[in-house]
Amino acid sequence: MGKIIGIDLGTTFSAVAQLDDTGRAVIVHNSDGENRTPSVVSIESEKDIWVGTEAKKNLGLGDKNVLGRFKREMGTDKKYVTDYGDFSAKDLSALVLTKLKNDTEAKIGEIDSAVVTVPANFNNDAREATLNAAEHAGLNVAYIINEPTAAALFYSKESGEDLSEPICIYDLGGGTFDVSIVKVKDNEVEVLSTEGVPQLGGTDFDQKLQDLVIKKFKDDKNKKIDTKDFTRNDAEQLKISLSKREEALARAKNSIIKISRQEFEDEISTFLAQTEMMCESALEDANLKPSDISQIILAGGSTRIPCVKSYFQS
């Protein structure tokens, strides 16, 4: 008998989960033994296509055949031009979903159907493109649900808590931001309001950090470096380090500079202010005050950044 899986098709990473015998959602590891797969595609030839970790190693090095962050363009007419043809965001997403499907079936057997999550702020064209990409990958899609809704359902089941009072789902991922005010009762999610920014997330933070490092090398070391010397992948790793410590080292051209967490937070402050405005707007749309929110659930990898957490604690 086939199995039902859940798929988080992310801007920077994607993941697959299934319910175990106890009804608990567990991650299905990919063929590399990883619990998530980079949403990156490398077109090596018309028949040789890599997806995932190996492809990501060359992202941001100026190779037009290595493509990532295309989720943001779902439902648009944008074409990614490579040496082996033109691809839409839907085409590239289908390649990622094909890897997820193949890796998962190698682990758990035939997949009967899938539930795919999308940002709450995805328009109808983006949702339709996601559905088409999944079908092109050979997946039978049972439902497409909003990411904040999925987060609310998961938290409700895992915690066993009563979430019948309004809760806030703050979902800051690799490429998109959503905030939803919801209630959960008997596995039913009532969405009171939702707001979001289609192009705001960790990839923008990486860009800011990359720009900061390049500027500091020029100012502090009088050394000119470019995006090939300190890539987006390098910036992502530096960002992760700054979530663990107050200072971290950036390396390029056999030289090192220090970057502080405060410098990074200053660079992304306008982005976080945008999310704050969206939260205020969502509360206003739901006719609620901050004191009416019983809980705040942080979802998405970018909420690991300390200043995001401290915003809600202040």
C-alpha atoms as a PDB file:
ATOM      1  CA  MET A   1       0.000   0.000   0.000  1.00  0.00           C
ATOM      2  CA  GLY A   2       1.253   3.475  -0.848  1.00  0.00           C
ATOM      3  CA  LYS A   3       2.123   6.060   1.746  1.00  0.00           C
ATOM      4  CA  ILE A   4       1.208   9.697   2.349  1.00  0.00           C
ATOM      5  CA  ILE A   5       4.015  12.210   2.833  1.00  0.00           C
ATOM      6  CA  GLY A   6       4.283  15.893   3.593  1.00  0.00           C
ATOM      7  CA  ILE A   7       6.630  18.096   1.592  1.00  0.00           C
ATOM      8  CA  ASP A   8       8.042  21.468   2.571  1.00  0.00           C
ATOM      9  CA  LEU A   9       9.246  22.871  -0.752  1.00  0.00           C
ATOM     10  CA  GLY A  10      11.446  25.686   0.481  1.00  0.00           C
ATOM     11  CA  THR A  11      13.349  28.544  -1.105  1.00  0.00           C
ATOM     12  CA  THR A  12      16.697  27.369   0.232  1.00  0.00           C
ATOM     13  CA  PHE A  13      15.975  23.894   1.625  1.00  0.00           C
ATOM     14  CA  SER A  14      13.237  21.297   1.153  1.00  0.00           C
ATOM     15  CA  ALA A  15      12.210  18.414   3.368  1.00  0.00           C
ATOM     16  CA  VAL A  16       9.926  15.388   3.469  1.00  0.00           C
ATOM     17  CA  ALA A  17       8.079  13.931   6.447  1.00  0.00           C
ATOM     18  CA  GLN A  18       5.700  11.048   7.081  1.00  0.00           C
ATOM     19  CA  LEU A  19       3.631   9.881  10.029  1.00  0.00           C
ATOM     20  CA  ASP A  20       5.098   7.002  12.019  1.00  0.00           C
ATOM     21  CA  ASP A  21       3.095   4.210  13.642  1.00  0.00           C
ATOM     22  CA  THR A  22       2.198   6.499  16.559  1.00  0.00           C
ATOM     23  CA  GLY A  23       0.930   9.260  14.279  1.00  0.00           C
ATOM     24  CA  ARG A  24       3.970  11.453  14.881  1.00  0.00           C
ATOM     25  CA  ALA A  25       5.526  13.333  11.982  1.00  0.00           C
ATOM     26  CA  VAL A  26       9.131  12.272  11.335  1.00  0.00           C
ATOM     27  CA  ILE A  27      11.617  13.488   8.734  1.00  0.00           C
ATOM     28  CA  VAL A  28      12.584  11.129   5.905  1.00  0.00           C
ATOM     29  CA  HIS A  29      16.302  11.509   5.165  1.00  0.00           C
ATOM     30  CA  ASN A  30      17.455  11.889   1.579  1.00  0.00           C
ATOM     31  CA  SER A  31      19.931   9.676  -0.267  1.00  0.00           C
ATOM     32  CA  ASP A  32      22.831  11.616   1.283  1.00  0.00           C
ATOM     33  CA  GLY A  33      21.543  10.890   4.781  1.00  0.00           C
ATOM     34  CA  GLU A  34      20.499  14.521   5.276  1.00  0.00           C
ATOM     35  CA  ASN A  35      17.216  15.604   6.838  1.00  0.00           C
ATOM     36  CA  ARG A  36      16.784  18.382   4.290  1.00  0.00           C
ATOM     37  CA  THR A  37      17.756  18.908   0.677  1.00  0.00           C
ATOM     38  CA  PRO A  38      19.099  22.201  -0.707  1.00  0.00           C
ATOM     39  CA  SER A  39      16.655  23.568  -3.290  1.00  0.00           C
ATOM     40  CA  VAL A  40      19.428  23.996  -5.831  1.00  0.00           C
ATOM     41  CA  VAL A  41      19.689  22.574  -9.345  1.00  0.00           C
ATOM     42  CA  SER A  42      22.866  22.193 -11.405  1.00  0.00           C
ATOM     43  CA  ILE A  43      22.326  21.556 -15.120  1.00  0.00           C
ATOM     44  CA  GLU A  44      25.471  19.677 -16.202  1.00  0.00           C
ATOM     45  CA  SER A  45      24.068  18.589 -19.572  1.00  0.00           C
ATOM     46  CA  GLU A  46      20.695  17.927 -21.125  1.00  0.00           C
ATOM     47  CA  LYS A  47      20.581  14.561 -19.353  1.00  0.00           C
ATOM     48  CA  ASP A  48      22.881  15.106 -16.368  1.00  0.00           C
ATOM     49  CA  ILE A  49      21.150  17.170 -13.671  1.00  0.00           C
ATOM     50  CA  TRP A  50      22.193  17.389 -10.034  1.00  0.00           C
ATOM     51  CA  VAL A  51      19.897  18.483  -7.231  1.00  0.00           C
ATOM     52  CA  GLY A  52      20.805  19.159  -3.624  1.00  0.00           C
ATOM     53  CA  THR A  53      24.053  19.435  -1.696  1.00  0.00           C
ATOM     54  CA  GLU A  54      26.484  18.854  -4.584  1.00  0.00           C
ATOM     55  CA  ALA A  55      24.665  21.432  -6.702  1.00  0.00           C
ATOM     56  CA  LYS A  56      24.691  23.979  -3.871  1.00  0.00           C
ATOM     57  CA  LYS A  57      28.489  23.894  -3.611  1.00  0.00           C
ATOM     58  CA  ASN A  58      28.711  25.857  -6.855  1.00  0.00           C
ATOM     59  CA  LEU A  59      25.830  28.268  -6.187  1.00  0.00           C
ATOM     60  CA  GLY A  60      26.798  31.910  -6.353  1.00  0.00           C
ATOM     61  CA  LEU A  61      30.010  31.380  -8.310  1.00  0.00           C
ATOM     62  CA  GLY A  62      28.639  32.942 -11.466  1.00  0.00           C
ATOM     63  CA  ASP A  63      27.765  29.667 -13.203  1.00  0.00           C
ATOM     64  CA  LYS A  64      24.471  30.245 -14.998  1.00  0.00           C
ATOM     65  CA  ASN A  65      23.845  26.499 -15.027  1.00  0.00           C
ATOM     66  CA  VAL A  66      23.567  26.399 -11.216  1.00  0.00           C
ATOM     67  CA  LEU A  67      20.225  27.724 -10.038  1.00  0.00           C
ATOM     68  CA  GLY A  68      18.682  28.372  -6.655  1.00  0.00           C
ATOM     69  CA  ARG A  69      16.133  30.551  -4.832  1.00  0.00           C
ATOM     70  CA  PHE A  70      13.684  30.113  -7.716  1.00  0.00           C
ATOM     71  CA  LYS A  71      10.698  29.512  -5.452  1.00  0.00           C
ATOM     72  CA  ARG A  72      10.288  33.279  -5.307  1.00  0.00           C
ATOM     73  CA  GLU A  73       9.452  33.292  -9.019  1.00  0.00           C
ATOM     74  CA  MET A  74       6.788  30.576  -8.920  1.00  0.00           C
ATOM     75  CA  GLY A  75       3.815  31.565 -11.047  1.00  0.00           C
ATOM     76  CA  THR A  76       5.745  34.191 -13.011  1.00  0.00           C
ATOM     77  CA  ASP A  77       7.022  34.216 -16.587  1.00  0.00           C
ATOM     78  CA  LYS A  78      10.682  34.480 -15.580  1.00  0.00           C
ATOM     79  CA  LYS A  79      13.016  32.163 -17.482  1.00  0.00           C
ATOM     80  CA  TYR A  80      16.378  30.936 -16.233  1.00  0.00           C
ATOM     81  CA  VAL A  81      18.680  30.711 -19.255  1.00  0.00           C
ATOM     82  CA  THR A  82      21.291  27.935 -19.166  1.00  0.00           C
ATOM     83  CA  ASP A  83      23.617  26.380 -21.707  1.00  0.00           C
ATOM     84  CA  TYR A  84      21.175  23.497 -22.005  1.00  0.00           C
ATOM     85  CA  GLY A  85      17.872  25.290 -22.365  1.00  0.00           C
ATOM     86  CA  ASP A  86      15.562  27.687 -20.583  1.00  0.00           C
ATOM     87  CA  PHE A  87      13.805  26.749 -17.347  1.00  0.00           C
ATOM     88  CA  SER A  88      10.960  28.283 -15.397  1.00  0.00           C
ATOM     89  CA  ALA A  89      10.716  28.236 -11.607  1.00  0.00           C
ATOM     90  CA  LYS A  90       8.083  25.539 -12.040  1.00  0.00           C
ATOM     91  CA  ASP A  91      10.481  23.404 -14.108  1.00  0.00           C
ATOM     92  CA  LEU A  92      13.240  23.725 -11.518  1.00  0.00           C
ATOM     93  CA  SER A  93      10.861  23.019  -8.648  1.00  0.00           C
ATOM     94  CA  ALA A  94       9.742  19.880 -10.459  1.00  0.00           C
ATOM     95  CA  LEU A  95      13.380  18.709 -10.544  1.00  0.00           C
ATOM     96  CA  VAL A  96      13.713  19.270  -6.785  1.00  0.00           C
ATOM     97  CA  LEU A  97      10.443  17.449  -6.159  1.00  0.00           C
ATOM     98  CA  THR A  98      11.560  14.569  -8.363  1.00  0.00           C
ATOM     99  CA  LYS A  99      14.660  14.093  -6.201  1.00  0.00           C
ATOM    100  CA  LEU A 100      12.567  14.275  -3.039  1.00  0.00           C
ATOM    101  CA  LYS A 101      10.162  11.685  -4.420  1.00  0.00           C
ATOM    102  CA  ASN A 102      12.879   9.304  -5.635  1.00  0.00           C
ATOM    103  CA  ASP A 103      14.908   9.556  -2.424  1.00  0.00           C
ATOM    104  CA  THR A 104      11.831   9.055  -0.269  1.00  0.00           C
ATOM    105  CA  GLU A 105      10.538   6.051  -2.201  1.00  0.00           C
ATOM    106  CA  ALA A 106      13.981   4.462  -1.922  1.00  0.00           C
ATOM    107  CA  LYS A 107      13.610   4.740   1.863  1.00  0.00           C
ATOM    108  CA  ILE A 108       9.940   3.984   2.553  1.00  0.00           C
ATOM    109  CA  GLY A 109       8.459   2.510  -0.619  1.00  0.00           C
ATOM    110  CA  GLU A 110       5.847   3.742  -3.062  1.00  0.00           C
ATOM    111  CA  ILE A 111       4.226   7.094  -2.317  1.00  0.00           C
ATOM    112  CA  ASP A 112       0.477   7.209  -2.719  1.00  0.00           C
ATOM    113  CA  SER A 113      -0.067  10.935  -2.264  1.00  0.00           C
ATOM    114  CA  ALA A 114       1.521  14.081  -0.893  1.00  0.00           C
ATOM    115  CA  VAL A 115       0.588  17.212   1.016  1.00  0.00           C
ATOM    116  CA  VAL A 116       2.652  20.198  -0.119  1.00  0.00           C
ATOM    117  CA  THR A 117       3.017  23.413   1.865  1.00  0.00           C
ATOM    118  CA  VAL A 118       3.226  26.891   0.336  1.00  0.00           C
ATOM    119  CA  PRO A 119       3.635  30.401   1.793  1.00  0.00           C
ATOM    120  CA  ALA A 120       0.371  31.970   2.902  1.00  0.00           C
ATOM    121  CA  ASN A 121       1.099  34.941   0.643  1.00  0.00           C
ATOM    122  CA  PHE A 122       1.420  32.813  -2.518  1.00  0.00           C
ATOM    123  CA  ASN A 123      -1.087  33.970  -5.124  1.00  0.00           C
ATOM    124  CA  ASN A 124      -3.201  31.626  -7.227  1.00  0.00           C
ATOM    125  CA  ASP A 125      -0.636  31.518 -10.054  1.00  0.00           C
ATOM    126  CA  ALA A 126       2.134  30.499  -7.642  1.00  0.00           C
ATOM    127  CA  ARG A 127      -0.062  27.831  -6.060  1.00  0.00           C
ATOM    128  CA  GLU A 128      -1.029  26.452  -9.461  1.00  0.00           C
ATOM    129  CA  ALA A 129       2.618  26.388 -10.522  1.00  0.00           C
ATOM    130  CA  THR A 130       3.491  24.445  -7.345  1.00  0.00           C
ATOM    131  CA  LEU A 131       0.735  21.940  -8.046  1.00  0.00           C
ATOM    132  CA  ASN A 132       1.885  21.521 -11.658  1.00  0.00           C
ATOM    133  CA  ALA A 133       5.505  21.062 -10.575  1.00  0.00           C
ATOM    134  CA  ALA A 134       4.490  18.319  -8.145  1.00  0.00           C
ATOM    135  CA  GLU A 135       2.388  16.552 -10.752  1.00  0.00           C
ATOM    136  CA  HIS A 136       5.254  16.800 -13.268  1.00  0.00           C
ATOM    137  CA  ALA A 137       7.446  15.094 -10.656  1.00  0.00           C
ATOM    138  CA  GLY A 138       4.990  12.213 -10.559  1.00  0.00           C
ATOM    139  CA  LEU A 139       3.361  13.129  -7.246  1.00  0.00           C
ATOM    140  CA  ASN A 140      -0.333  12.816  -6.555  1.00  0.00           C
ATOM    141  CA  VAL A 141      -1.082  15.955  -4.536  1.00  0.00           C
ATOM    142  CA  ALA A 142      -3.854  15.455  -2.004  1.00  0.00           C
ATOM    143  CA  TYR A 143      -3.673  18.974  -0.560  1.00  0.00           C
ATOM    144  CA  ILE A 144      -1.749  22.202  -0.833  1.00  0.00           C
ATOM    145  CA  ILE A 145      -1.825  23.989   2.514  1.00  0.00           C
ATOM    146  CA  ASN A 146      -0.352  27.197   3.856  1.00  0.00           C
ATOM    147  CA  GLU A 147       2.894  26.877   5.776  1.00  0.00           C
ATOM    148  CA  PRO A 148       1.603  28.698   8.894  1.00  0.00           C
ATOM    149  CA  THR A 149      -1.402  26.360   8.955  1.00  0.00           C
ATOM    150  CA  ALA A 150       0.909  23.346   8.832  1.00  0.00           C
ATOM    151  CA  ALA A 151       3.015  24.806  11.644  1.00  0.00           C
ATOM    152  CA  ALA A 152      -0.080  25.387  13.801  1.00  0.00           C
ATOM    153  CA  LEU A 153      -1.342  21.841  13.259  1.00  0.00           C
ATOM    154  CA  PHE A 154       2.061  20.331  14.039  1.00  0.00           C
ATOM    155  CA  TYR A 155       2.507  22.360  17.206  1.00  0.00           C
ATOM    156  CA  SER A 156      -1.016  21.578  18.366  1.00  0.00           C
ATOM    157  CA  LYS A 157      -0.475  17.849  17.953  1.00  0.00           C
ATOM    158  CA  GLU A 158       3.047  17.759  19.380  1.00  0.00           C
ATOM    159  CA  SER A 159       2.324  19.931  22.409  1.00  0.00           C
ATOM    160  CA  GLY A 160      -1.178  18.685  23.170  1.00  0.00           C
ATOM    161  CA  GLU A 161      -1.965  22.214  24.304  1.00  0.00           C
ATOM    162  CA  ASP A 162      -5.283  24.013  23.964  1.00  0.00           C
ATOM    163  CA  LEU A 163      -4.806  26.526  21.162  1.00  0.00           C
ATOM    164  CA  SER A 164      -8.419  27.675  20.989  1.00  0.00           C
ATOM    165  CA  GLU A 165      -7.310  31.190  21.926  1.00  0.00           C
ATOM    166  CA  PRO A 166      -5.604  33.266  19.197  1.00  0.00           C
ATOM    167  CA  ILE A 167      -1.982  32.371  18.488  1.00  0.00           C
ATOM    168  CA  CYS A 168       0.538  34.036  16.185  1.00  0.00           C
ATOM    169  CA  ILE A 169       2.529  32.015  13.663  1.00  0.00           C
ATOM    170  CA  TYR A 170       5.639  34.009  12.721  1.00  0.00           C
ATOM    171  CA  ASP A 171       7.140  32.186   9.734  1.00  0.00           C
ATOM    172  CA  LEU A 172      10.454  33.610   8.511  1.00  0.00           C
ATOM    173  CA  GLY A 173      12.109  31.217   6.100  1.00  0.00           C
ATOM    174  CA  GLY A 174      14.819  31.321   3.491  1.00  0.00           C
ATOM    175  CA  GLY A 175      12.899  33.386   0.977  1.00  0.00           C
ATOM    176  CA  THR A 176       9.475  34.413   2.239  1.00  0.00           C
ATOM    177  CA  PHE A 177       7.828  35.817   5.357  1.00  0.00           C
ATOM    178  CA  ASP A 178       4.317  35.087   6.626  1.00  0.00           C
ATOM    179  CA  VAL A 179       2.520  35.967   9.819  1.00  0.00           C
ATOM    180  CA  SER A 180      -0.858  34.434  10.595  1.00  0.00           C
ATOM    181  CA  ILE A 181      -3.218  34.813  13.527  1.00  0.00           C
ATOM    182  CA  VAL A 182      -5.035  31.517  14.008  1.00  0.00           C
ATOM    183  CA  LYS A 183      -7.036  29.360  16.381  1.00  0.00           C
ATOM    184  CA  VAL A 184      -6.808  25.571  16.474  1.00  0.00           C
ATOM    185  CA  LYS A 185      -9.569  23.301  17.720  1.00  0.00           C
ATOM    186  CA  ASP A 186     -10.104  19.602  17.040  1.00  0.00           C
ATOM    187  CA  ASN A 187      -7.444  19.604  14.291  1.00  0.00           C
ATOM    188  CA  GLU A 188      -9.233  22.451  12.525  1.00  0.00           C
ATOM    189  CA  VAL A 189      -7.369  25.702  11.936  1.00  0.00           C
ATOM    190  CA  GLU A 190      -9.332  28.942  11.816  1.00  0.00           C
ATOM    191  CA  VAL A 191      -7.274  31.678  10.160  1.00  0.00           C
ATOM    192  CA  LEU A 192      -8.235  35.062  11.590  1.00  0.00           C
ATOM    193  CA  SER A 193      -5.781  37.066   9.475  1.00  0.00           C
ATOM    194  CA  THR A 194      -2.586  36.701   7.496  1.00  0.00           C
ATOM    195  CA  GLU A 195       0.047  39.061   6.136  1.00  0.00           C
ATOM    196  CA  GLY A 196       3.397  38.578   4.511  1.00  0.00           C
ATOM    197  CA  VAL A 197       6.198  39.664   2.214  1.00  0.00           C
ATOM    198  CA  PRO A 198       6.790  37.376  -0.787  1.00  0.00           C
ATOM    199  CA  GLN A 199      10.483  38.207  -1.050  1.00  0.00           C
ATOM    200  CA  LEU A 200      11.928  38.543   2.426  1.00  0.00           C
ATOM    201  CA  GLY A 201      13.940  35.922   4.230  1.00  0.00           C
ATOM    202  CA  GLY A 202      17.291  34.377   4.963  1.00  0.00           C
ATOM    203  CA  THR A 203      18.553  34.790   1.418  1.00  0.00           C
ATOM    204  CA  ASP A 204      18.191  38.579   1.804  1.00  0.00           C
ATOM    205  CA  PHE A 205      20.068  38.417   5.099  1.00  0.00           C
ATOM    206  CA  ASP A 206      22.836  36.473   3.348  1.00  0.00           C
ATOM    207  CA  GLN A 207      23.037  39.168   0.672  1.00  0.00           C
ATOM    208  CA  LYS A 208      23.362  41.899   3.286  1.00  0.00           C
ATOM    209  CA  LEU A 209      26.066  39.966   5.112  1.00  0.00           C
ATOM    210  CA  GLN A 210      27.937  39.303   1.875  1.00  0.00           C
ATOM    211  CA  ASP A 211      27.851  43.030   1.053  1.00  0.00           C
ATOM    212  CA  LEU A 212      29.022  43.896   4.565  1.00  0.00           C
ATOM    213  CA  VAL A 213      32.001  41.544   4.372  1.00  0.00           C
ATOM    214  CA  ILE A 214      33.056  42.860   0.962  1.00  0.00           C
ATOM    215  CA  LYS A 215      32.854  46.435   2.261  1.00  0.00           C
ATOM    216  CA  LYS A 216      34.799  45.656   5.439  1.00  0.00           C
ATOM    217  CA  PHE A 217      37.582  43.995   3.487  1.00  0.00           C
ATOM    218  CA  LYS A 218      37.912  47.190   1.482  1.00  0.00           C
ATOM    219  CA  ASP A 219      37.704  49.520   4.496  1.00  0.00           C
ATOM    220  CA  ASP A 220      39.741  47.521   7.019  1.00  0.00           C
ATOM    221  CA  LYS A 221      42.206  45.652   4.834  1.00  0.00           C
ATOM    222  CA  ASN A 222      42.273  47.842   1.731  1.00  0.00           C
ATOM    223  CA  LYS A 223      41.633  44.643  -0.162  1.00  0.00           C
ATOM    224  CA  LYS A 224      39.145  44.399  -2.990  1.00  0.00           C
ATOM    225  CA  ILE A 225      37.151  41.172  -3.050  1.00  0.00           C
ATOM    226  CA  ASP A 226      34.038  40.228  -4.976  1.00  0.00           C
ATOM    227  CA  THR A 227      31.158  37.771  -4.728  1.00  0.00           C
ATOM    228  CA  LYS A 228      33.317  34.928  -6.025  1.00  0.00           C
ATOM    229  CA  ASP A 229      35.823  35.455  -3.216  1.00  0.00           C
ATOM    230  CA  PHE A 230      33.128  35.497  -0.537  1.00  0.00           C
ATOM    231  CA  THR A 231      30.026  33.737  -1.832  1.00  0.00           C
ATOM    232  CA  ARG A 232      26.426  33.564  -0.637  1.00  0.00           C
ATOM    233  CA  ASN A 233      27.238  30.108   0.731  1.00  0.00           C
ATOM    234  CA  ASP A 234      30.072  31.679   2.740  1.00  0.00           C
ATOM    235  CA  ALA A 235      27.693  34.367   3.979  1.00  0.00           C
ATOM    236  CA  GLU A 236      25.148  31.740   4.994  1.00  0.00           C
ATOM    237  CA  GLN A 237      27.748  29.893   7.082  1.00  0.00           C
ATOM    238  CA  LEU A 238      28.882  33.156   8.668  1.00  0.00           C
ATOM    239  CA  LYS A 239      25.256  33.971   9.516  1.00  0.00           C
ATOM    240  CA  ILE A 240      24.888  30.599  11.237  1.00  0.00           C
ATOM    241  CA  SER A 241      28.074  31.238  13.224  1.00  0.00           C
ATOM    242  CA  LEU A 242      26.779  34.639  14.340  1.00  0.00           C
ATOM    243  CA  SER A 243      23.651  32.992  15.674  1.00  0.00           C
ATOM    244  CA  LYS A 244      25.881  31.016  18.035  1.00  0.00           C
ATOM    245  CA  ARG A 245      28.444  33.645  19.056  1.00  0.00           C
ATOM    246  CA  GLU A 246      28.885  37.397  19.293  1.00  0.00           C
ATOM    247  CA  GLU A 247      31.701  37.518  16.726  1.00  0.00           C
ATOM    248  CA  ALA A 248      32.779  35.352  13.816  1.00  0.00           C
ATOM    249  CA  LEU A 249      35.550  35.355  11.222  1.00  0.00           C
ATOM    250  CA  ALA A 250      35.100  35.918   7.495  1.00  0.00           C
ATOM    251  CA  ARG A 251      37.856  34.611   5.233  1.00  0.00           C
ATOM    252  CA  ALA A 252      38.703  35.644   1.671  1.00  0.00           C
ATOM    253  CA  LYS A 253      41.894  35.849  -0.385  1.00  0.00           C
ATOM    254  CA  ASN A 254      44.030  34.435   2.444  1.00  0.00           C
ATOM    255  CA  SER A 255      42.888  37.188   4.768  1.00  0.00           C
ATOM    256  CA  ILE A 256      40.527  37.366   7.753  1.00  0.00           C
ATOM    257  CA  ILE A 257      38.235  39.998   9.231  1.00  0.00           C
ATOM    258  CA  LYS A 258      35.925  39.955  12.236  1.00  0.00           C
ATOM    259  CA  ILE A 259      32.208  40.488  11.896  1.00  0.00           C
ATOM    260  CA  SER A 260      30.130  41.097  14.992  1.00  0.00           C
ATOM    261  CA  ARG A 261      26.579  39.948  15.568  1.00  0.00           C
ATOM    262  CA  GLN A 262      25.616  43.581  16.173  1.00  0.00           C
ATOM    263  CA  GLU A 263      26.959  44.610  12.758  1.00  0.00           C
ATOM    264  CA  PHE A 264      24.907  41.877  11.124  1.00  0.00           C
ATOM    265  CA  GLU A 265      21.778  42.800  13.065  1.00  0.00           C
ATOM    266  CA  ASP A 266      22.177  46.447  12.058  1.00  0.00           C
ATOM    267  CA  GLU A 267      22.314  45.388   8.411  1.00  0.00           C
ATOM    268  CA  ILE A 268      19.060  43.423   8.586  1.00  0.00           C
ATOM    269  CA  SER A 269      17.161  45.790  10.892  1.00  0.00           C
ATOM    270  CA  THR A 270      15.017  47.223   8.095  1.00  0.00           C
ATOM    271  CA  PHE A 271      13.929  43.719   7.081  1.00  0.00           C
ATOM    272  CA  LEU A 272      12.915  42.894  10.635  1.00  0.00           C
ATOM    273  CA  ALA A 273      11.050  46.204  10.847  1.00  0.00           C
ATOM    274  CA  GLN A 274       9.051  45.059   7.830  1.00  0.00           C
ATOM    275  CA  THR A 275       8.058  41.884   9.637  1.00  0.00           C
ATOM    276  CA  GLU A 276       7.027  43.939  12.658  1.00  0.00           C
ATOM    277  CA  MET A 277       4.745  46.059  10.491  1.00  0.00           C
ATOM    278  CA  MET A 278       3.207  42.920   9.016  1.00  0.00           C
ATOM    279  CA  CYS A 279       2.549  41.594  12.535  1.00  0.00           C
ATOM    280  CA  GLU A 280       0.843  44.834  13.498  1.00  0.00           C
ATOM    281  CA  SER A 281      -1.248  44.733  10.328  1.00  0.00           C
ATOM    282  CA  ALA A 282      -2.290  41.111  10.979  1.00  0.00           C
ATOM    283  CA  LEU A 283      -3.389  42.013  14.504  1.00  0.00           C
ATOM    284  CA  GLU A 284      -5.354  44.982  13.202  1.00  0.00           C
ATOM    285  CA  ASP A 285      -7.069  42.843  10.554  1.00  0.00           C
ATOM    286  CA  ALA A 286      -8.068  40.344  13.250  1.00  0.00           C
ATOM    287  CA  ASN A 287      -9.295  43.157  15.531  1.00  0.00           C
ATOM    288  CA  LEU A 288      -6.905  42.027  18.230  1.00  0.00           C
ATOM    289  CA  LYS A 289      -4.301  43.565  20.525  1.00  0.00           C
ATOM    290  CA  PRO A 290      -0.901  42.007  21.319  1.00  0.00           C
ATOM    291  CA  SER A 291      -2.226  41.062  24.757  1.00  0.00           C
ATOM    292  CA  ASP A 292      -4.945  38.956  23.073  1.00  0.00           C
ATOM    293  CA  ILE A 293      -2.336  36.551  21.645  1.00  0.00           C
ATOM    294  CA  SER A 294      -1.947  33.493  23.869  1.00  0.00           C
ATOM    295  CA  GLN A 295       1.203  32.118  22.198  1.00  0.00           C
ATOM    296  CA  ILE A 296       3.727  32.925  19.507  1.00  0.00           C
ATOM    297  CA  ILE A 297       5.088  30.091  17.375  1.00  0.00           C
ATOM    298  CA  LEU A 298       8.313  30.775  15.485  1.00  0.00           C
ATOM    299  CA  ALA A 299       8.651  28.819  12.246  1.00  0.00           C
ATOM    300  CA  GLY A 300      11.292  28.902   9.511  1.00  0.00           C
ATOM    301  CA  GLY A 301      15.051  28.669   9.735  1.00  0.00           C
ATOM    302  CA  SER A 302      15.626  32.418   9.944  1.00  0.00           C
ATOM    303  CA  THR A 303      13.890  32.597  13.337  1.00  0.00           C
ATOM    304  CA  ARG A 304      17.057  31.016  14.776  1.00  0.00           C
ATOM    305  CA  ILE A 305      18.694  34.436  14.467  1.00  0.00           C
ATOM    306  CA  PRO A 306      18.893  35.719  18.081  1.00  0.00           C
ATOM    307  CA  CYS A 307      17.512  39.208  17.408  1.00  0.00           C
ATOM    308  CA  VAL A 308      14.344  37.679  15.936  1.00  0.00           C
ATOM    309  CA  LYS A 309      13.708  35.792  19.173  1.00  0.00           C
ATOM    310  CA  SER A 310      14.621  38.767  21.359  1.00  0.00           C
ATOM    311  CA  TYR A 311      12.091  40.923  19.488  1.00  0.00           C
ATOM    312  CA  PHE A 312       9.266  38.852  20.928  1.00  0.00           C
ATOM    313  CA  GLN A 313      10.815  38.738  24.381  1.00  0.00           C
ATOM    314  CA  SER A 314      11.034  42.502  24.670  1.00  0.00           C
END
